Amino acid sequence: MLELSEIKKDLQAKEDLVKALQRESHKLQSQDEQHSQEVSRFQEELSEAHSQLQILQKQLDEELSKQPLTNQEVRDSDLK
């Protein structure tokens, strides 16, 4: 009879351990989902920043193309 009570205690301890591991697993899954959402938001922000950078680069190129040639550029073109 003593052996059965020891087995029962051992099984209860293992069941408690399984429940604790399940709680930890759920916690980690929740954190993983949260991190995935943060990564997605960061990627969206990065994509938006990249688009804005391309627009600014295009505007800068357009403005630079409107400016008259500098003296150095005039001299360089005369040498050709």
Protein backbone atom coordinates (compact mmCIF):
# COMPACT_ATOMS: atom_id res chain seq x y z
CA MET A 1 0.00 0.00 0.00
CA LEU A 2 2.89 2.35 0.73
CA GLU A 3 4.16 1.80 -2.78
CA LEU A 4 0.86 2.91 -4.32
CA SER A 5 0.82 6.13 -2.28
CA GLU A 6 4.38 6.88 -3.41
CA ILE A 7 3.37 6.29 -7.02
CA LYS A 8 0.36 8.56 -6.54
CA LYS A 9 2.55 11.34 -5.08
CA ASP A 10 5.05 10.91 -7.91
CA LEU A 11 2.28 11.11 -10.50
CA GLN A 12 0.83 14.22 -8.83
CA ALA A 13 4.26 15.88 -8.87
CA LYS A 14 4.65 15.03 -12.55
CA GLU A 15 1.17 16.35 -13.30
CA ASP A 16 2.02 19.61 -11.52
CA LEU A 17 5.23 19.85 -13.53
CA VAL A 18 3.34 19.27 -16.79
CA LYS A 19 0.85 22.01 -15.88
CA ALA A 20 3.68 24.41 -15.05
CA LEU A 21 5.37 23.61 -18.36
CA GLN A 22 2.10 24.17 -20.22
CA ARG A 23 1.67 27.57 -18.56
CA GLU A 24 5.23 28.49 -19.50
CA SER A 25 4.61 27.28 -23.07
CA HIS A 26 1.49 29.45 -23.37
CA LYS A 27 3.39 32.42 -21.96
CA LEU A 28 6.20 31.95 -24.48
CA GLN A 29 3.74 31.56 -27.36
CA SER A 30 2.05 34.79 -26.33
CA GLN A 31 5.39 36.59 -26.20
CA ASP A 32 6.34 35.14 -29.59
CA GLU A 33 3.10 36.43 -31.12
CA GLN A 34 3.73 39.84 -29.58
CA HIS A 35 7.27 39.92 -30.97
CA SER A 36 6.00 38.88 -34.39
CA GLN A 37 3.52 41.75 -34.35
CA GLU A 38 6.28 44.17 -33.33
CA VAL A 39 8.51 42.90 -36.15
CA SER A 40 5.66 43.32 -38.64
CA ARG A 41 5.03 46.89 -37.48
CA PHE A 42 8.75 47.68 -37.69
CA GLN A 43 8.92 46.24 -41.22
CA GLU A 44 5.94 48.38 -42.26
CA GLU A 45 7.56 51.50 -40.78
CA LEU A 46 10.84 50.65 -42.48
CA SER A 47 9.09 50.18 -45.82
CA GLU A 48 7.31 53.53 -45.42
CA ALA A 49 10.58 55.26 -44.52
CA HIS A 50 12.23 53.70 -47.58
CA SER A 51 9.42 54.98 -49.81
CA GLN A 52 9.73 58.47 -48.34
CA LEU A 53 13.50 58.36 -48.84
CA GLN A 54 13.04 57.46 -52.51
CA ILE A 55 10.61 60.35 -52.97
CA LEU A 56 13.04 62.77 -51.32
CA GLN A 57 15.90 61.46 -53.46
CA LYS A 58 13.84 61.99 -56.61
CA GLN A 59 12.92 65.53 -55.50
CA LEU A 60 16.56 66.28 -54.74
CA ASP A 61 17.63 64.98 -58.14
CA GLU A 62 14.98 67.15 -59.81
CA GLU A 63 16.09 70.25 -57.90
CA LEU A 64 19.75 69.60 -58.69
CA SER A 65 18.95 69.18 -62.38
CA LYS A 66 17.25 72.61 -62.38
CA GLN A 67 20.29 74.42 -60.96
CA PRO A 68 22.65 76.11 -63.43
CA LEU A 69 26.01 74.52 -64.01
CA THR A 70 28.68 75.55 -61.53
CA ASN A 71 31.88 77.19 -62.72
CA GLN A 72 33.80 73.95 -62.26
CA GLU A 73 31.29 72.06 -64.39
CA VAL A 74 31.52 74.73 -67.10
CA ARG A 75 35.32 74.50 -67.10
CA ASP A 76 35.15 70.71 -67.18
CA SER A 77 32.80 70.76 -70.16
CA ASP A 78 35.08 73.26 -71.98
CA LEU A 79 37.99 70.85 -71.61
CA LYS A 80 36.13 68.05 -73.36
